[in-house]
All heavy atoms as atom14 arrays in JSON, in Angstrom:
{
  "sequence": "NPTALLVERIFWLGLGAFLGLAIITSLLRGLKEGKNKTTPISPDQLEN",
  "atom14_mask": [
    [1, 1, 1, 1, 1, 1, 1, 1, 0, 0, 0, 0, 0, 0],
    [1, 1, 1, 1, 1, 1, 1, 0, 0, 0, 0, 0, 0, 0],
    [1, 1, 1, 1, 1, 1, 1, 0, 0, 0, 0, 0, 0, 0],
    [1, 1, 1, 1, 1, 0, 0, 0, 0, 0, 0, 0, 0, 0],
    [1, 1, 1, 1, 1, 1, 1, 1, 0, 0, 0, 0, 0, 0],
    [1, 1, 1, 1, 1, 1, 1, 1, 0, 0, 0, 0, 0, 0],
    [1, 1, 1, 1, 1, 1, 1, 0, 0, 0, 0, 0, 0, 0],
    [1, 1, 1, 1, 1, 1, 1, 1, 1, 0, 0, 0, 0, 0],
    [1, 1, 1, 1, 1, 1, 1, 1, 1, 1, 1, 0, 0, 0],
    [1, 1, 1, 1, 1, 1, 1, 1, 0, 0, 0, 0, 0, 0],
    [1, 1, 1, 1, 1, 1, 1, 1, 1, 1, 1, 0, 0, 0],
    [1, 1, 1, 1, 1, 1, 1, 1, 1, 1, 1, 1, 1, 1],
    [1, 1, 1, 1, 1, 1, 1, 1, 0, 0, 0, 0, 0, 0],
    [1, 1, 1, 1, 0, 0, 0, 0, 0, 0, 0, 0, 0, 0],
    [1, 1, 1, 1, 1, 1, 1, 1, 0, 0, 0, 0, 0, 0],
    [1, 1, 1, 1, 0, 0, 0, 0, 0, 0, 0, 0, 0, 0],
    [1, 1, 1, 1, 1, 0, 0, 0, 0, 0, 0, 0, 0, 0],
    [1, 1, 1, 1, 1, 1, 1, 1, 1, 1, 1, 0, 0, 0],
    [1, 1, 1, 1, 1, 1, 1, 1, 0, 0, 0, 0, 0, 0],
    [1, 1, 1, 1, 0, 0, 0, 0, 0, 0, 0, 0, 0, 0],
    [1, 1, 1, 1, 1, 1, 1, 1, 0, 0, 0, 0, 0, 0],
    [1, 1, 1, 1, 1, 0, 0, 0, 0, 0, 0, 0, 0, 0],
    [1, 1, 1, 1, 1, 1, 1, 1, 0, 0, 0, 0, 0, 0],
    [1, 1, 1, 1, 1, 1, 1, 1, 0, 0, 0, 0, 0, 0],
    [1, 1, 1, 1, 1, 1, 1, 0, 0, 0, 0, 0, 0, 0],
    [1, 1, 1, 1, 1, 1, 0, 0, 0, 0, 0, 0, 0, 0],
    [1, 1, 1, 1, 1, 1, 1, 1, 0, 0, 0, 0, 0, 0],
    [1, 1, 1, 1, 1, 1, 1, 1, 0, 0, 0, 0, 0, 0],
    [1, 1, 1, 1, 1, 1, 1, 1, 1, 1, 1, 0, 0, 0],
    [1, 1, 1, 1, 0, 0, 0, 0, 0, 0, 0, 0, 0, 0],
    [1, 1, 1, 1, 1, 1, 1, 1, 0, 0, 0, 0, 0, 0],
    [1, 1, 1, 1, 1, 1, 1, 1, 1, 0, 0, 0, 0, 0],
    [1, 1, 1, 1, 1, 1, 1, 1, 1, 0, 0, 0, 0, 0],
    [1, 1, 1, 1, 0, 0, 0, 0, 0, 0, 0, 0, 0, 0],
    [1, 1, 1, 1, 1, 1, 1, 1, 1, 0, 0, 0, 0, 0],
    [1, 1, 1, 1, 1, 1, 1, 1, 0, 0, 0, 0, 0, 0],
    [1, 1, 1, 1, 1, 1, 1, 1, 1, 0, 0, 0, 0, 0],
    [1, 1, 1, 1, 1, 1, 1, 0, 0, 0, 0, 0, 0, 0],
    [1, 1, 1, 1, 1, 1, 1, 0, 0, 0, 0, 0, 0, 0],
    [1, 1, 1, 1, 1, 1, 1, 0, 0, 0, 0, 0, 0, 0],
    [1, 1, 1, 1, 1, 1, 1, 1, 0, 0, 0, 0, 0, 0],
    [1, 1, 1, 1, 1, 1, 0, 0, 0, 0, 0, 0, 0, 0],
    [1, 1, 1, 1, 1, 1, 1, 0, 0, 0, 0, 0, 0, 0],
    [1, 1, 1, 1, 1, 1, 1, 1, 0, 0, 0, 0, 0, 0],
    [1, 1, 1, 1, 1, 1, 1, 1, 1, 0, 0, 0, 0, 0],
    [1, 1, 1, 1, 1, 1, 1, 1, 0, 0, 0, 0, 0, 0],
    [1, 1, 1, 1, 1, 1, 1, 1, 1, 0, 0, 0, 0, 0],
    [1, 1, 1, 1, 1, 1, 1, 1, 0, 0, 0, 0, 0, 0]
  ],
  "atom14_positions": [
    [[0.85, -1.19, 0.0], [0.0, 0.0, 0.01], [0.87, 1.24, 0.02], [1.7, 1.44, 0.9], [-0.91, -0.04, 1.22], [-1.92, 1.06, 1.25], [-1.92, 1.91, 0.36], [-2.8, 1.03, 2.26], [0.0, 0.0, 0.0], [0.0, 0.0, 0.0], [0.0, 0.0, 0.0], [0.0, 0.0, 0.0], [0.0, 0.0, 0.0], [0.0, 0.0, 0.0]],
    [[0.75, 2.13, -0.99], [1.63, 3.31, -1.05], [1.5, 4.21, 0.16], [2.52, 4.76, 0.63], [1.19, 4.03, -2.29], [0.46, 3.01, -3.12], [-0.11, 2.05, -2.15], [0.0, 0.0, 0.0], [0.0, 0.0, 0.0], [0.0, 0.0, 0.0], [0.0, 0.0, 0.0], [0.0, 0.0, 0.0], [0.0, 0.0, 0.0], [0.0, 0.0, 0.0]],
    [[0.33, 4.32, 0.72], [0.15, 5.18, 1.89], [0.87, 4.55, 3.08], [1.52, 5.28, 3.84], [-1.35, 5.31, 2.22], [-2.04, 5.81, 1.05], [-1.57, 6.29, 3.34], [0.0, 0.0, 0.0], [0.0, 0.0, 0.0], [0.0, 0.0, 0.0], [0.0, 0.0, 0.0], [0.0, 0.0, 0.0], [0.0, 0.0, 0.0], [0.0, 0.0, 0.0]],
    [[0.77, 3.27, 3.27], [1.45, 2.62, 4.38], [2.96, 2.73, 4.22], [3.7, 2.94, 5.23], [1.02, 1.12, 4.45], [0.0, 0.0, 0.0], [0.0, 0.0, 0.0], [0.0, 0.0, 0.0], [0.0, 0.0, 0.0], [0.0, 0.0, 0.0], [0.0, 0.0, 0.0], [0.0, 0.0, 0.0], [0.0, 0.0, 0.0], [0.0, 0.0, 0.0]],
    [[3.48, 2.59, 2.99], [4.9, 2.74, 2.78], [5.33, 4.18, 3.03], [6.46, 4.38, 3.64], [5.24, 2.38, 1.31], [5.08, 0.92, 0.94], [5.27, 0.7, -0.54], [6.04, 0.07, 1.72], [0.0, 0.0, 0.0], [0.0, 0.0, 0.0], [0.0, 0.0, 0.0], [0.0, 0.0, 0.0], [0.0, 0.0, 0.0], [0.0, 0.0, 0.0]],
    [[4.55, 5.16, 2.68], [4.9, 6.55, 2.97], [4.92, 6.82, 4.5], [5.85, 7.43, 5.0], [3.89, 7.49, 2.3], [4.12, 8.96, 2.48], [5.45, 9.39, 1.84], [2.98, 9.77, 1.91], [0.0, 0.0, 0.0], [0.0, 0.0, 0.0], [0.0, 0.0, 0.0], [0.0, 0.0, 0.0], [0.0, 0.0, 0.0], [0.0, 0.0, 0.0]],
    [[3.93, 6.3, 5.17], [3.91, 6.48, 6.64], [5.07, 5.79, 7.31], [5.72, 6.36, 8.2], [2.56, 5.95, 7.22], [2.6, 5.88, 8.75], [1.41, 6.79, 6.77], [0.0, 0.0, 0.0], [0.0, 0.0, 0.0], [0.0, 0.0, 0.0], [0.0, 0.0, 0.0], [0.0, 0.0, 0.0], [0.0, 0.0, 0.0], [0.0, 0.0, 0.0]],
    [[5.44, 4.6, 6.85], [6.56, 3.87, 7.43], [7.86, 4.63, 7.12], [8.72, 4.78, 7.98], [6.63, 2.45, 6.83], [7.7, 1.65, 7.41], [7.8, 0.24, 6.81], [7.01, -0.07, 5.91], [8.66, -0.52, 7.24], [0.0, 0.0, 0.0], [0.0, 0.0, 0.0], [0.0, 0.0, 0.0], [0.0, 0.0, 0.0], [0.0, 0.0, 0.0]],
    [[7.98, 5.14, 5.93], [9.2, 5.88, 5.56], [9.35, 7.15, 6.43], [10.42, 7.49, 6.87], [9.2, 6.24, 4.06], [10.47, 6.93, 3.62], [10.56, 6.98, 2.15], [10.8, 5.64, 1.65], [10.67, 5.31, 0.39], [10.34, 6.22, -0.53], [10.91, 4.07, -0.02], [0.0, 0.0, 0.0], [0.0, 0.0, 0.0], [0.0, 0.0, 0.0]],
    [[8.24, 7.88, 6.62], [8.27, 9.1, 7.43], [8.63, 8.73, 8.88], [9.4, 9.43, 9.53], [6.9, 9.81, 7.38], [6.74, 10.42, 5.97], [6.79, 10.86, 8.43], [5.38, 10.99, 5.71], [0.0, 0.0, 0.0], [0.0, 0.0, 0.0], [0.0, 0.0, 0.0], [0.0, 0.0, 0.0], [0.0, 0.0, 0.0], [0.0, 0.0, 0.0]],
    [[8.11, 7.63, 9.35], [8.39, 7.16, 10.77], [9.89, 6.89, 10.91], [10.56, 7.41, 11.8], [7.63, 5.92, 11.09], [8.13, 5.25, 12.35], [7.76, 5.75, 13.59], [8.94, 4.1, 12.29], [8.23, 5.14, 14.73], [9.39, 3.49, 13.42], [9.03, 4.01, 14.68], [0.0, 0.0, 0.0], [0.0, 0.0, 0.0], [0.0, 0.0, 0.0]],
    [[10.5, 6.16, 9.97], [11.91, 5.8, 10.07], [12.8, 7.04, 9.86], [13.86, 7.11, 10.51], [12.27, 4.7, 9.09], [11.73, 3.38, 9.52], [10.78, 2.63, 8.85], [12.07, 2.61, 10.69], [10.53, 1.47, 9.57], [11.28, 1.43, 10.69], [12.95, 2.82, 11.74], [11.38, 0.49, 11.72], [13.05, 1.87, 12.75], [12.26, 0.74, 12.73]],
    [[12.41, 7.93, 8.98], [13.2, 9.16, 8.8], [13.15, 10.02, 10.07], [14.15, 10.59, 10.49], [12.67, 9.92, 7.59], [13.07, 9.33, 6.25], [12.37, 10.12, 5.13], [14.55, 9.39, 6.01], [0.0, 0.0, 0.0], [0.0, 0.0, 0.0], [0.0, 0.0, 0.0], [0.0, 0.0, 0.0], [0.0, 0.0, 0.0], [0.0, 0.0, 0.0]],
    [[11.97, 10.1, 10.67], [11.83, 10.85, 11.92], [12.64, 10.25, 13.03], [13.28, 10.95, 13.81], [0.0, 0.0, 0.0], [0.0, 0.0, 0.0], [0.0, 0.0, 0.0], [0.0, 0.0, 0.0], [0.0, 0.0, 0.0], [0.0, 0.0, 0.0], [0.0, 0.0, 0.0], [0.0, 0.0, 0.0], [0.0, 0.0, 0.0], [0.0, 0.0, 0.0]],
    [[12.6, 8.93, 13.15], [13.42, 8.25, 14.17], [14.88, 8.46, 13.95], [15.66, 8.73, 14.9], [13.05, 6.77, 14.22], [13.7, 5.93, 15.26], [13.25, 6.37, 16.65], [13.4, 4.47, 15.07], [0.0, 0.0, 0.0], [0.0, 0.0, 0.0], [0.0, 0.0, 0.0], [0.0, 0.0, 0.0], [0.0, 0.0, 0.0], [0.0, 0.0, 0.0]],
    [[15.32, 8.34, 12.71], [16.72, 8.63, 12.41], [17.17, 10.06, 12.72], [18.25, 10.26, 13.19], [0.0, 0.0, 0.0], [0.0, 0.0, 0.0], [0.0, 0.0, 0.0], [0.0, 0.0, 0.0], [0.0, 0.0, 0.0], [0.0, 0.0, 0.0], [0.0, 0.0, 0.0], [0.0, 0.0, 0.0], [0.0, 0.0, 0.0], [0.0, 0.0, 0.0]],
    [[16.26, 11.0, 12.38], [16.57, 12.39, 12.67], [16.68, 12.64, 14.16], [17.58, 13.35, 14.65], [15.49, 13.28, 12.05], [0.0, 0.0, 0.0], [0.0, 0.0, 0.0], [0.0, 0.0, 0.0], [0.0, 0.0, 0.0], [0.0, 0.0, 0.0], [0.0, 0.0, 0.0], [0.0, 0.0, 0.0], [0.0, 0.0, 0.0], [0.0, 0.0, 0.0]],
    [[15.75, 12.04, 14.94], [15.79, 12.18, 16.37], [17.09, 11.62, 16.94], [17.75, 12.27, 17.75], [14.6, 11.49, 17.01], [14.67, 11.39, 18.48], [14.4, 12.53, 19.25], [15.03, 10.25, 19.15], [14.5, 12.49, 20.64], [15.08, 10.15, 20.51], [14.81, 11.29, 21.27], [0.0, 0.0, 0.0], [0.0, 0.0, 0.0], [0.0, 0.0, 0.0]],
    [[17.48, 10.43, 16.55], [18.69, 9.81, 17.05], [19.94, 10.6, 16.6], [20.88, 10.77, 17.38], [18.78, 8.36, 16.62], [17.73, 7.43, 17.22], [17.83, 6.02, 16.66], [17.86, 7.39, 18.75], [0.0, 0.0, 0.0], [0.0, 0.0, 0.0], [0.0, 0.0, 0.0], [0.0, 0.0, 0.0], [0.0, 0.0, 0.0], [0.0, 0.0, 0.0]],
    [[19.92, 11.04, 15.38], [21.06, 11.87, 14.9], [21.21, 13.14, 15.66], [22.32, 13.52, 16.05], [0.0, 0.0, 0.0], [0.0, 0.0, 0.0], [0.0, 0.0, 0.0], [0.0, 0.0, 0.0], [0.0, 0.0, 0.0], [0.0, 0.0, 0.0], [0.0, 0.0, 0.0], [0.0, 0.0, 0.0], [0.0, 0.0, 0.0], [0.0, 0.0, 0.0]],
    [[20.1, 13.84, 15.93], [20.17, 15.06, 16.71], [20.59, 14.78, 18.14], [21.33, 15.58, 18.74], [18.8, 15.79, 16.67], [18.44, 16.48, 15.38], [17.05, 17.01, 15.46], [19.43, 17.61, 15.11], [0.0, 0.0, 0.0], [0.0, 0.0, 0.0], [0.0, 0.0, 0.0], [0.0, 0.0, 0.0], [0.0, 0.0, 0.0], [0.0, 0.0, 0.0]],
    [[20.14, 13.67, 18.71], [20.56, 13.3, 20.05], [22.06, 13.08, 20.15], [22.74, 13.53, 21.07], [19.82, 12.08, 20.52], [0.0, 0.0, 0.0], [0.0, 0.0, 0.0], [0.0, 0.0, 0.0], [0.0, 0.0, 0.0], [0.0, 0.0, 0.0], [0.0, 0.0, 0.0], [0.0, 0.0, 0.0], [0.0, 0.0, 0.0], [0.0, 0.0, 0.0]],
    [[22.63, 12.41, 19.15], [24.04, 12.16, 19.12], [24.85, 13.45, 18.94], [25.83, 13.72, 19.62], [24.42, 11.14, 18.01], [23.86, 9.73, 18.41], [25.93, 11.07, 17.76], [23.95, 8.73, 17.3], [0.0, 0.0, 0.0], [0.0, 0.0, 0.0], [0.0, 0.0, 0.0], [0.0, 0.0, 0.0], [0.0, 0.0, 0.0], [0.0, 0.0, 0.0]],
    [[24.39, 14.32, 18.02], [25.08, 15.57, 17.78], [25.0, 16.48, 19.01], [26.0, 17.09, 19.41], [24.45, 16.3, 16.54], [24.82, 15.54, 15.27], [24.94, 17.73, 16.46], [24.11, 15.99, 14.04], [0.0, 0.0, 0.0], [0.0, 0.0, 0.0], [0.0, 0.0, 0.0], [0.0, 0.0, 0.0], [0.0, 0.0, 0.0], [0.0, 0.0, 0.0]],
    [[23.84, 16.53, 19.67], [23.68, 17.36, 20.84], [24.6, 16.8, 21.97], [25.25, 17.59, 22.69], [22.25, 17.31, 21.36], [21.38, 17.77, 20.29], [22.02, 18.18, 22.57], [0.0, 0.0, 0.0], [0.0, 0.0, 0.0], [0.0, 0.0, 0.0], [0.0, 0.0, 0.0], [0.0, 0.0, 0.0], [0.0, 0.0, 0.0], [0.0, 0.0, 0.0]],
    [[24.7, 15.5, 22.09], [25.55, 14.9, 23.11], [27.02, 15.23, 22.85], [27.78, 15.57, 23.76], [25.35, 13.4, 23.15], [26.28, 12.79, 23.99], [0.0, 0.0, 0.0], [0.0, 0.0, 0.0], [0.0, 0.0, 0.0], [0.0, 0.0, 0.0], [0.0, 0.0, 0.0], [0.0, 0.0, 0.0], [0.0, 0.0, 0.0], [0.0, 0.0, 0.0]],
    [[27.44, 15.15, 21.6], [28.81, 15.48, 21.27], [29.14, 16.94, 21.54], [30.16, 17.28, 22.09], [29.12, 15.12, 19.8], [29.15, 13.64, 19.48], [29.24, 13.45, 17.96], [30.29, 12.97, 20.17], [0.0, 0.0, 0.0], [0.0, 0.0, 0.0], [0.0, 0.0, 0.0], [0.0, 0.0, 0.0], [0.0, 0.0, 0.0], [0.0, 0.0, 0.0]],
    [[28.21, 17.81, 21.14], [28.44, 19.25, 21.4], [28.51, 19.58, 22.87], [29.3, 20.37, 23.31], [27.36, 20.07, 20.69], [27.4, 20.06, 19.14], [26.22, 20.87, 18.59], [28.71, 20.67, 18.66], [0.0, 0.0, 0.0], [0.0, 0.0, 0.0], [0.0, 0.0, 0.0], [0.0, 0.0, 0.0], [0.0, 0.0, 0.0], [0.0, 0.0, 0.0]],
    [[27.61, 18.95, 23.66], [27.59, 19.19, 25.11], [28.9, 18.67, 25.72], [29.47, 19.27, 26.6], [26.4, 18.47, 25.72], [26.26, 18.78, 27.22], [25.01, 18.18, 27.8], [23.84, 18.78, 27.16], [22.65, 18.19, 27.1], [22.49, 16.97, 27.58], [21.66, 18.8, 26.56], [0.0, 0.0, 0.0], [0.0, 0.0, 0.0], [0.0, 0.0, 0.0]],
    [[29.38, 17.51, 25.24], [30.64, 16.98, 25.77], [31.81, 17.9, 25.43], [32.67, 18.12, 26.26], [0.0, 0.0, 0.0], [0.0, 0.0, 0.0], [0.0, 0.0, 0.0], [0.0, 0.0, 0.0], [0.0, 0.0, 0.0], [0.0, 0.0, 0.0], [0.0, 0.0, 0.0], [0.0, 0.0, 0.0], [0.0, 0.0, 0.0], [0.0, 0.0, 0.0]],
    [[31.83, 18.44, 24.21], [32.9, 19.39, 23.87], [32.81, 20.63, 24.72], [33.84, 21.18, 25.15], [32.83, 19.73, 22.39], [33.22, 18.58, 21.44], [32.95, 18.97, 19.98], [34.64, 18.19, 21.62], [0.0, 0.0, 0.0], [0.0, 0.0, 0.0], [0.0, 0.0, 0.0], [0.0, 0.0, 0.0], [0.0, 0.0, 0.0], [0.0, 0.0, 0.0]],
    [[31.61, 21.12, 24.94], [31.4, 22.36, 25.7], [31.81, 22.14, 27.15], [32.49, 23.0, 27.74], [29.93, 22.77, 25.65], [29.63, 24.02, 26.37], [28.13, 24.4, 26.24], [27.8, 25.61, 27.01], [26.37, 25.89, 26.95], [0.0, 0.0, 0.0], [0.0, 0.0, 0.0], [0.0, 0.0, 0.0], [0.0, 0.0, 0.0], [0.0, 0.0, 0.0]],
    [[31.46, 21.02, 27.76], [31.81, 20.76, 29.14], [33.28, 20.42, 29.26], [33.86, 20.57, 30.32], [30.94, 19.66, 29.7], [29.5, 20.08, 29.92], [28.63, 18.98, 30.46], [29.14, 17.85, 30.7], [27.44, 19.24, 30.63], [0.0, 0.0, 0.0], [0.0, 0.0, 0.0], [0.0, 0.0, 0.0], [0.0, 0.0, 0.0], [0.0, 0.0, 0.0]],
    [[33.87, 19.9, 28.22], [35.29, 19.59, 28.27], [36.16, 20.85, 28.39], [37.23, 20.82, 28.96], [0.0, 0.0, 0.0], [0.0, 0.0, 0.0], [0.0, 0.0, 0.0], [0.0, 0.0, 0.0], [0.0, 0.0, 0.0], [0.0, 0.0, 0.0], [0.0, 0.0, 0.0], [0.0, 0.0, 0.0], [0.0, 0.0, 0.0], [0.0, 0.0, 0.0]],
    [[35.67, 21.98, 27.87], [36.38, 23.23, 28.0], [36.32, 23.78, 29.38], [37.21, 24.49, 29.82], [35.81, 24.24, 26.99], [36.1, 23.87, 25.55], [35.47, 24.88, 24.62], [35.7, 24.48, 23.16], [35.03, 25.4, 22.24], [0.0, 0.0, 0.0], [0.0, 0.0, 0.0], [0.0, 0.0, 0.0], [0.0, 0.0, 0.0], [0.0, 0.0, 0.0]],
    [[35.27, 23.55, 30.1], [35.09, 24.04, 31.45], [35.63, 23.05, 32.47], [34.89, 22.33, 33.12], [33.59, 24.3, 31.74], [32.96, 25.3, 30.79], [33.65, 26.13, 30.24], [31.68, 25.21, 30.55], [0.0, 0.0, 0.0], [0.0, 0.0, 0.0], [0.0, 0.0, 0.0], [0.0, 0.0, 0.0], [0.0, 0.0, 0.0], [0.0, 0.0, 0.0]],
    [[36.92, 23.04, 32.59], [37.53, 22.09, 33.53], [37.46, 22.69, 34.93], [37.72, 23.85, 35.18], [38.99, 21.88, 33.14], [39.13, 21.14, 31.83], [40.57, 20.84, 31.52], [40.65, 20.08, 30.19], [42.0, 19.78, 29.81], [0.0, 0.0, 0.0], [0.0, 0.0, 0.0], [0.0, 0.0, 0.0], [0.0, 0.0, 0.0], [0.0, 0.0, 0.0]],
    [[37.05, 21.82, 35.85], [36.94, 22.26, 37.26], [38.08, 21.6, 38.08], [38.58, 20.54, 37.7], [35.6, 21.85, 37.84], [35.47, 20.42, 37.75], [34.41, 22.49, 37.06], [0.0, 0.0, 0.0], [0.0, 0.0, 0.0], [0.0, 0.0, 0.0], [0.0, 0.0, 0.0], [0.0, 0.0, 0.0], [0.0, 0.0, 0.0], [0.0, 0.0, 0.0]],
    [[38.41, 22.27, 39.12], [39.46, 21.71, 40.01], [38.75, 20.98, 41.17], [37.72, 21.43, 41.67], [40.3, 22.87, 40.56], [39.46, 23.78, 41.29], [41.04, 23.59, 39.48], [0.0, 0.0, 0.0], [0.0, 0.0, 0.0], [0.0, 0.0, 0.0], [0.0, 0.0, 0.0], [0.0, 0.0, 0.0], [0.0, 0.0, 0.0], [0.0, 0.0, 0.0]],
    [[39.28, 19.86, 41.53], [38.66, 19.1, 42.6], [38.89, 19.81, 43.96], [39.88, 20.54, 44.17], [39.41, 17.75, 42.63], [40.68, 18.01, 41.89], [40.4, 19.16, 40.94], [0.0, 0.0, 0.0], [0.0, 0.0, 0.0], [0.0, 0.0, 0.0], [0.0, 0.0, 0.0], [0.0, 0.0, 0.0], [0.0, 0.0, 0.0], [0.0, 0.0, 0.0]],
    [[37.92, 19.66, 44.86], [37.98, 20.25, 46.19], [38.26, 19.18, 47.19], [37.68, 18.11, 47.16], [36.63, 20.97, 46.5], [36.33, 22.05, 45.48], [36.63, 21.55, 47.89], [35.0, 22.72, 45.65], [0.0, 0.0, 0.0], [0.0, 0.0, 0.0], [0.0, 0.0, 0.0], [0.0, 0.0, 0.0], [0.0, 0.0, 0.0], [0.0, 0.0, 0.0]],
    [[39.14, 19.49, 48.13], [39.51, 18.54, 49.15], [38.37, 18.4, 50.16], [37.56, 19.28, 50.32], [40.8, 18.97, 49.85], [40.54, 20.1, 50.63], [0.0, 0.0, 0.0], [0.0, 0.0, 0.0], [0.0, 0.0, 0.0], [0.0, 0.0, 0.0], [0.0, 0.0, 0.0], [0.0, 0.0, 0.0], [0.0, 0.0, 0.0], [0.0, 0.0, 0.0]],
    [[38.33, 17.28, 50.85], [37.27, 17.1, 51.87], [37.31, 18.15, 52.95], [36.26, 18.56, 53.45], [37.57, 15.69, 52.44], [38.31, 14.98, 51.37], [39.08, 16.06, 50.65], [0.0, 0.0, 0.0], [0.0, 0.0, 0.0], [0.0, 0.0, 0.0], [0.0, 0.0, 0.0], [0.0, 0.0, 0.0], [0.0, 0.0, 0.0], [0.0, 0.0, 0.0]],
    [[38.5, 18.59, 53.32], [38.61, 19.64, 54.36], [37.95, 20.96, 53.88], [37.22, 21.63, 54.62], [40.05, 19.92, 54.73], [40.72, 18.72, 55.39], [39.97, 17.92, 56.03], [41.92, 18.55, 55.27], [0.0, 0.0, 0.0], [0.0, 0.0, 0.0], [0.0, 0.0, 0.0], [0.0, 0.0, 0.0], [0.0, 0.0, 0.0], [0.0, 0.0, 0.0]],
    [[38.16, 21.27, 52.65], [37.55, 22.52, 52.11], [36.04, 22.35, 52.04], [35.29, 23.33, 52.33], [38.1, 22.81, 50.71], [39.54, 23.23, 50.68], [40.11, 23.37, 49.29], [39.64, 22.7, 48.38], [41.08, 24.29, 49.11], [0.0, 0.0, 0.0], [0.0, 0.0, 0.0], [0.0, 0.0, 0.0], [0.0, 0.0, 0.0], [0.0, 0.0, 0.0]],
    [[35.56, 21.21, 51.74], [34.09, 20.94, 51.71], [33.52, 21.09, 53.12], [32.42, 21.66, 53.26], [33.78, 19.58, 51.13], [33.95, 19.41, 49.63], [33.71, 17.98, 49.2], [32.97, 20.32, 48.89], [0.0, 0.0, 0.0], [0.0, 0.0, 0.0], [0.0, 0.0, 0.0], [0.0, 0.0, 0.0], [0.0, 0.0, 0.0], [0.0, 0.0, 0.0]],
    [[34.21, 20.56, 54.1], [33.71, 20.64, 55.5], [33.7, 22.11, 55.92], [32.7, 22.57, 56.54], [34.61, 19.85, 56.41], [34.42, 18.36, 56.32], [35.28, 17.59, 57.26], [35.73, 18.2, 58.26], [35.47, 16.36, 57.05], [0.0, 0.0, 0.0], [0.0, 0.0, 0.0], [0.0, 0.0, 0.0], [0.0, 0.0, 0.0], [0.0, 0.0, 0.0]],
    [[34.73, 22.9, 55.6], [34.75, 24.3, 55.95], [33.6, 25.08, 55.24], [32.93, 25.94, 55.87], [36.08, 24.94, 55.56], [37.19, 24.44, 56.42], [36.97, 23.97, 57.54], [38.44, 24.51, 55.91], [0.0, 0.0, 0.0], [0.0, 0.0, 0.0], [0.0, 0.0, 0.0], [0.0, 0.0, 0.0], [0.0, 0.0, 0.0], [0.0, 0.0, 0.0]]
  ]
}
């Protein structure tokens, strides 16, 4: 059925776009957070 094939194709393209955007967003967030390096705090400083 051409309509069913069209719906299925739209579904798979949408799913692929969602997963692709999720991967790209994750990579960009990782690169952004990698630039913001934090220094560890000692337990004594945390207690103070």
